Amino acid sequence: MSEAIGEGWPVPVHASHRLTPSASLATNGTMAGASFYDLDGTLVRSNLVHSYLYTSLNQGSLFGALKKTALGIARAPALWAVDQLDRVAMNELLFQQYEGQYEDVLEELAEGHFRDVLEPNLLPGGLELIARGKKLGLRQVIVSGNLDVFVRPLARHLGIDDILCNHLEIKRGRATGKLVPPVLAGATKARIIQEYAERHGLSLLESYAYSDSFSDYPMLAVVGRPAAVNPDAKLRRAARTFDWPVLTLE
C-alpha cells in the first residue's frame, strides 16, 4: 500500500456542507466522520458486468444461460461506449437485463456471487483501509453503482456499517428492469454522500473517500480526505493537481 496513507491529508476546495445541530462527536470532541468506499476496482477486482455475467451463467437451463451470457458479452462494447458518455445511462442499460427476475432468486444468486466473484477478488489493501478506518472510529460505508442485493453479503462479511447502492424496482416479487431513482453514479454519488452525512450528523471534512475512477471525482471532492486508489489516467492527473494521495493496492 502507498505510504501516502497518513494524517494531515490535503484538503481541496469543497462545496459547503450543511450539518445538523445534533451532529455526533468523535472521542476527541470533533465531529465524527466516515470512510466512503467505491467498490469495483477499489475494494475488489470486479465490475458490474462481472455481476451480470455471473447471474446469466447460474440460472435457468444451460442453453438459456449460455444464450443470455453470449448476449451479455455481445453487448459489452456498447455498454463500454455508453459508459464513456453517461455512467447513469450505462447503469440503466445494464440493469434492464434483470427484467423479470424473481427477487428471491436474485438474493440466492447474490450469495453465490459473493462466494465466487467478490470474496476471491478482494484486494488485501482494501481490507487494510477498512481496518484502519474502523480503528479511527469512522463509519464504514460502501458507495457503489452495483445493486444492493449483490453488495449486501460482502458488506456483512467486511463488517460495513451501511451501503449506498442502486436498487431494482420490484413489483409482485419480480424485477421490472428499472432502477429506483436516484441512480447512483457520477455526481449523484456526491449528493447521496452529502445527504447521508447530514442525516447521520457526520463531518464531511473529517471523512475519507476512495475510488479508482475519474467518474467518482465528485464523490472524492466532497470530502476532506480523498484518495485515488489504483486510479485511471484522468483520476491520476486530478489527484496530482489537488495533491491527493494515490494508493496502489495489490
Protein backbone atom coordinates (compact mmCIF):
# COMPACT_ATOMS: atom_id res chain seq x y z
CA MET A 1 0.00 0.00 0.00
CA SER A 2 1.15 3.52 -0.68
CA GLU A 3 2.86 5.42 2.10
CA ALA A 4 0.54 8.33 1.29
CA ILE A 5 -1.96 7.00 3.83
CA GLY A 6 -1.44 9.10 6.90
CA GLU A 7 -2.52 12.11 8.91
CA GLY A 8 -2.98 15.59 7.52
CA TRP A 9 -4.18 14.74 4.03
CA PRO A 10 -4.51 17.89 1.87
CA VAL A 11 -7.99 19.35 1.58
CA PRO A 12 -9.15 20.61 -1.84
CA VAL A 13 -11.79 23.25 -2.44
CA HIS A 14 -15.15 21.79 -1.39
CA ALA A 15 -18.79 22.70 -1.74
CA SER A 16 -20.34 23.92 1.51
CA HIS A 17 -21.56 21.15 3.81
CA ARG A 18 -24.81 21.52 5.71
CA LEU A 19 -24.61 19.65 9.00
CA THR A 20 -27.33 19.07 11.55
CA PRO A 21 -27.04 20.63 15.03
CA SER A 22 -27.27 17.14 16.53
CA ALA A 23 -24.05 16.04 14.83
CA SER A 24 -22.33 13.14 16.59
CA LEU A 25 -18.92 13.69 18.14
CA ALA A 26 -15.77 11.61 17.93
CA THR A 27 -13.89 10.73 21.10
CA ASN A 28 -11.66 13.79 20.71
CA GLY A 29 -14.66 16.13 20.70
CA THR A 30 -14.66 16.81 16.96
CA MET A 31 -17.50 15.77 14.69
CA ALA A 32 -17.29 12.14 13.64
CA GLY A 33 -16.51 11.23 10.05
CA ALA A 34 -16.91 8.28 7.72
CA SER A 35 -14.94 6.27 5.20
CA PHE A 36 -16.74 6.07 1.84
CA TYR A 37 -15.54 3.32 -0.49
CA ASP A 38 -16.24 2.77 -4.15
CA LEU A 39 -16.44 -0.97 -4.71
CA ASP A 40 -15.36 -2.10 -8.18
CA GLY A 41 -11.66 -1.58 -8.75
CA THR A 42 -11.24 -0.11 -5.27
CA LEU A 43 -12.07 -2.92 -2.83
CA VAL A 44 -12.46 -5.76 -5.34
CA ARG A 45 -11.13 -6.72 -8.79
CA SER A 46 -14.54 -6.88 -10.46
CA ASN A 47 -17.19 -4.72 -12.08
CA LEU A 48 -20.92 -4.54 -12.86
CA VAL A 49 -20.58 -6.66 -15.99
CA HIS A 50 -18.99 -9.49 -13.98
CA SER A 51 -22.07 -9.47 -11.73
CA TYR A 52 -24.42 -9.65 -14.72
CA LEU A 53 -22.46 -12.46 -16.41
CA TYR A 54 -22.43 -14.44 -13.16
CA THR A 55 -26.22 -14.28 -12.83
CA SER A 56 -26.59 -15.20 -16.50
CA LEU A 57 -24.45 -18.33 -16.12
CA ASN A 58 -26.04 -19.54 -12.91
CA GLN A 59 -29.75 -19.72 -13.56
CA GLY A 60 -32.21 -21.49 -15.80
CA SER A 61 -31.29 -24.13 -18.36
CA LEU A 62 -27.75 -24.48 -19.63
CA PHE A 63 -28.85 -23.36 -23.11
CA GLY A 64 -30.69 -20.35 -21.71
CA ALA A 65 -27.75 -19.40 -19.52
CA LEU A 66 -25.28 -19.64 -22.39
CA LYS A 67 -27.58 -17.65 -24.68
CA LYS A 68 -28.00 -14.90 -22.10
CA THR A 69 -24.27 -14.83 -21.40
CA ALA A 70 -23.48 -14.60 -25.11
CA LEU A 71 -25.88 -11.68 -25.45
CA GLY A 72 -24.24 -10.01 -22.46
CA ILE A 73 -20.78 -10.39 -23.98
CA ALA A 74 -22.06 -9.07 -27.31
CA ARG A 75 -23.47 -6.00 -25.55
CA ALA A 76 -20.21 -5.31 -23.70
CA PRO A 77 -18.72 -2.95 -26.35
CA ALA A 78 -21.96 -0.95 -26.48
CA LEU A 79 -22.05 -0.75 -22.67
CA TRP A 80 -18.44 0.45 -22.64
CA ALA A 81 -19.22 3.14 -25.24
CA VAL A 82 -22.27 4.37 -23.31
CA ASP A 83 -20.25 4.35 -20.09
CA GLN A 84 -17.74 6.79 -21.61
CA LEU A 85 -20.56 9.26 -22.26
CA ASP A 86 -23.05 8.72 -19.45
CA ARG A 87 -22.50 6.46 -16.43
CA VAL A 88 -26.16 6.74 -15.39
CA ALA A 89 -27.34 5.61 -18.83
CA MET A 90 -24.89 2.70 -18.73
CA ASN A 91 -26.26 1.52 -15.37
CA GLU A 92 -29.83 1.77 -16.60
CA LEU A 93 -28.99 -0.12 -19.80
CA LEU A 94 -27.17 -2.89 -17.93
CA PHE A 95 -29.81 -3.40 -15.25
CA GLN A 96 -32.60 -3.65 -17.84
CA GLN A 97 -31.26 -7.17 -18.36
CA TYR A 98 -32.66 -8.18 -14.95
CA GLU A 99 -36.24 -7.59 -16.06
CA GLY A 100 -38.46 -10.49 -14.98
CA GLN A 101 -36.02 -11.87 -12.39
CA TYR A 102 -37.64 -13.09 -9.18
CA GLU A 103 -36.46 -11.19 -6.12
CA ASP A 104 -35.82 -14.35 -4.06
CA VAL A 105 -33.77 -15.85 -6.92
CA LEU A 106 -31.63 -12.70 -7.09
CA GLU A 107 -30.98 -12.96 -3.35
CA GLU A 108 -29.87 -16.58 -3.72
CA LEU A 109 -27.63 -15.65 -6.64
CA ALA A 110 -26.16 -12.82 -4.58
CA GLU A 111 -24.78 -15.27 -2.01
CA GLY A 112 -23.07 -17.31 -4.73
CA HIS A 113 -21.87 -14.12 -6.42
CA PHE A 114 -20.19 -13.08 -3.17
CA ARG A 115 -18.61 -16.50 -2.69
CA ASP A 116 -17.44 -16.99 -6.29
CA VAL A 117 -16.82 -13.46 -7.60
CA LEU A 118 -16.36 -10.89 -4.84
CA GLU A 119 -14.61 -12.72 -1.98
CA PRO A 120 -11.85 -14.26 -4.16
CA ASN A 121 -11.20 -10.84 -5.70
CA LEU A 122 -10.98 -8.76 -2.54
CA LEU A 123 -7.91 -6.54 -2.57
CA PRO A 124 -5.85 -7.06 0.61
CA GLY A 125 -5.01 -3.35 0.57
CA GLY A 126 -8.71 -2.57 0.60
CA LEU A 127 -9.14 -4.70 3.71
CA GLU A 128 -6.28 -2.72 5.23
CA LEU A 129 -8.10 0.56 4.52
CA ILE A 130 -11.26 -0.73 6.17
CA ALA A 131 -9.36 -1.95 9.23
CA ARG A 132 -7.67 1.45 9.53
CA GLY A 133 -10.99 3.26 9.19
CA LYS A 134 -12.55 1.17 11.94
CA LYS A 135 -9.57 1.81 14.19
CA LEU A 136 -10.08 5.56 13.68
CA GLY A 137 -13.73 5.19 14.72
CA LEU A 138 -15.05 6.15 11.28
CA ARG A 139 -18.40 4.95 9.97
CA GLN A 140 -17.75 2.46 7.15
CA VAL A 141 -19.85 2.96 4.01
CA ILE A 142 -19.71 1.34 0.54
CA VAL A 143 -20.93 3.64 -2.23
CA SER A 144 -21.45 1.61 -5.40
CA GLY A 145 -23.37 1.67 -8.64
CA ASN A 146 -23.86 -2.08 -8.24
CA LEU A 147 -27.14 -3.47 -6.93
CA ASP A 148 -27.68 -3.54 -3.19
CA VAL A 149 -28.69 -7.20 -3.36
CA PHE A 150 -25.21 -8.10 -4.66
CA VAL A 151 -23.28 -5.82 -2.28
CA ARG A 152 -25.09 -6.80 0.94
CA PRO A 153 -23.31 -10.19 1.50
CA LEU A 154 -19.91 -8.53 1.05
CA ALA A 155 -20.85 -5.73 3.46
CA ARG A 156 -21.81 -8.28 6.11
CA HIS A 157 -18.52 -10.11 5.58
CA LEU A 158 -16.46 -6.93 5.94
CA GLY A 159 -18.43 -5.50 8.87
CA ILE A 160 -19.50 -2.45 6.85
CA ASP A 161 -21.99 -0.14 8.60
CA ASP A 162 -24.01 0.92 5.54
CA ILE A 163 -24.24 0.53 1.79
CA LEU A 164 -25.40 3.20 -0.65
CA CYS A 165 -26.20 1.32 -3.86
CA ASN A 166 -28.63 1.04 -6.73
CA HIS A 167 -31.89 -0.78 -6.09
CA LEU A 168 -34.01 -2.64 -8.63
CA GLU A 169 -37.69 -1.78 -8.78
CA ILE A 170 -39.64 -4.87 -7.68
CA LYS A 171 -43.30 -5.46 -8.49
CA ARG A 172 -45.17 -8.63 -7.49
CA GLY A 173 -41.88 -10.20 -6.47
CA ARG A 174 -40.14 -9.65 -9.83
CA ALA A 175 -37.70 -7.04 -11.12
CA THR A 176 -39.09 -4.61 -13.67
CA GLY A 177 -35.64 -3.88 -15.12
CA LYS A 178 -35.83 -0.30 -13.83
CA LEU A 179 -33.80 1.26 -11.06
CA VAL A 180 -35.40 3.07 -8.15
CA PRO A 181 -34.23 6.70 -8.51
CA PRO A 182 -31.88 8.35 -7.95
CA VAL A 183 -29.47 6.23 -10.00
CA LEU A 184 -26.19 6.07 -8.11
CA ALA A 185 -23.42 7.14 -10.49
CA GLY A 186 -21.07 10.07 -11.04
CA ALA A 187 -22.15 13.32 -9.41
CA THR A 188 -25.16 11.63 -7.80
CA LYS A 189 -22.78 9.77 -5.50
CA ALA A 190 -21.57 13.11 -4.11
CA ARG A 191 -25.12 14.28 -3.41
CA ILE A 192 -26.06 10.98 -1.77
CA ILE A 193 -22.96 11.19 0.44
CA GLN A 194 -23.81 14.75 1.46
CA GLU A 195 -27.36 13.73 2.37
CA TYR A 196 -26.07 10.68 4.25
CA ALA A 197 -23.62 12.78 6.27
CA GLU A 198 -26.33 15.29 7.15
CA ARG A 199 -28.73 12.54 8.15
CA HIS A 200 -26.18 10.89 10.44
CA GLY A 201 -24.55 14.05 11.77
CA LEU A 202 -21.17 13.37 10.20
CA SER A 203 -18.47 15.82 9.20
CA LEU A 204 -17.51 15.53 5.56
CA LEU A 205 -14.31 17.46 6.24
CA GLU A 206 -13.31 14.68 8.66
CA SER A 207 -14.37 11.96 6.20
CA TYR A 208 -12.35 9.85 3.76
CA ALA A 209 -13.32 8.67 0.27
CA TYR A 210 -11.63 6.14 -2.01
CA SER A 211 -12.16 5.39 -5.69
CA ASP A 212 -10.29 4.22 -8.78
CA SER A 213 -12.30 6.10 -11.43
CA PHE A 214 -12.46 9.71 -12.56
CA SER A 215 -16.23 9.28 -12.80
CA ASP A 216 -16.15 9.38 -8.99
CA TYR A 217 -14.29 12.70 -8.89
CA PRO A 218 -17.37 14.47 -7.36
CA MET A 219 -17.52 11.86 -4.59
CA LEU A 220 -13.84 12.40 -3.79
CA ALA A 221 -14.00 16.19 -3.97
CA VAL A 222 -16.85 16.44 -1.45
CA VAL A 223 -14.83 15.01 1.48
CA GLY A 224 -11.85 16.44 3.32
CA ARG A 225 -9.63 13.37 2.93
CA PRO A 226 -9.91 11.85 -0.57
CA ALA A 227 -7.59 9.27 -2.10
CA ALA A 228 -7.24 7.84 -5.59
CA VAL A 229 -6.95 4.04 -5.45
CA ASN A 230 -5.44 2.22 -8.45
CA PRO A 231 -6.59 5.25 -10.44
CA ASP A 232 -7.33 5.54 -14.14
CA ALA A 233 -5.30 8.11 -16.08
CA LYS A 234 -7.76 11.01 -15.65
CA LEU A 235 -8.13 10.47 -11.91
CA ARG A 236 -4.36 10.18 -11.53
CA ARG A 237 -3.98 13.60 -13.19
CA ALA A 238 -6.67 15.10 -10.95
CA ALA A 239 -5.00 13.62 -7.87
CA ARG A 240 -1.71 15.19 -8.93
CA THR A 241 -3.43 18.56 -9.42
CA PHE A 242 -5.04 18.54 -5.97
CA ASP A 243 -2.17 16.74 -4.23
CA TRP A 244 -4.40 13.84 -3.20
CA PRO A 245 -2.75 10.58 -2.09
CA VAL A 246 -2.51 7.95 -4.81
CA LEU A 247 -2.72 4.42 -3.40
CA THR A 248 -1.67 1.29 -5.24
CA LEU A 249 -3.44 -1.66 -3.66
CA GLU A 250 -2.01 -5.06 -4.55
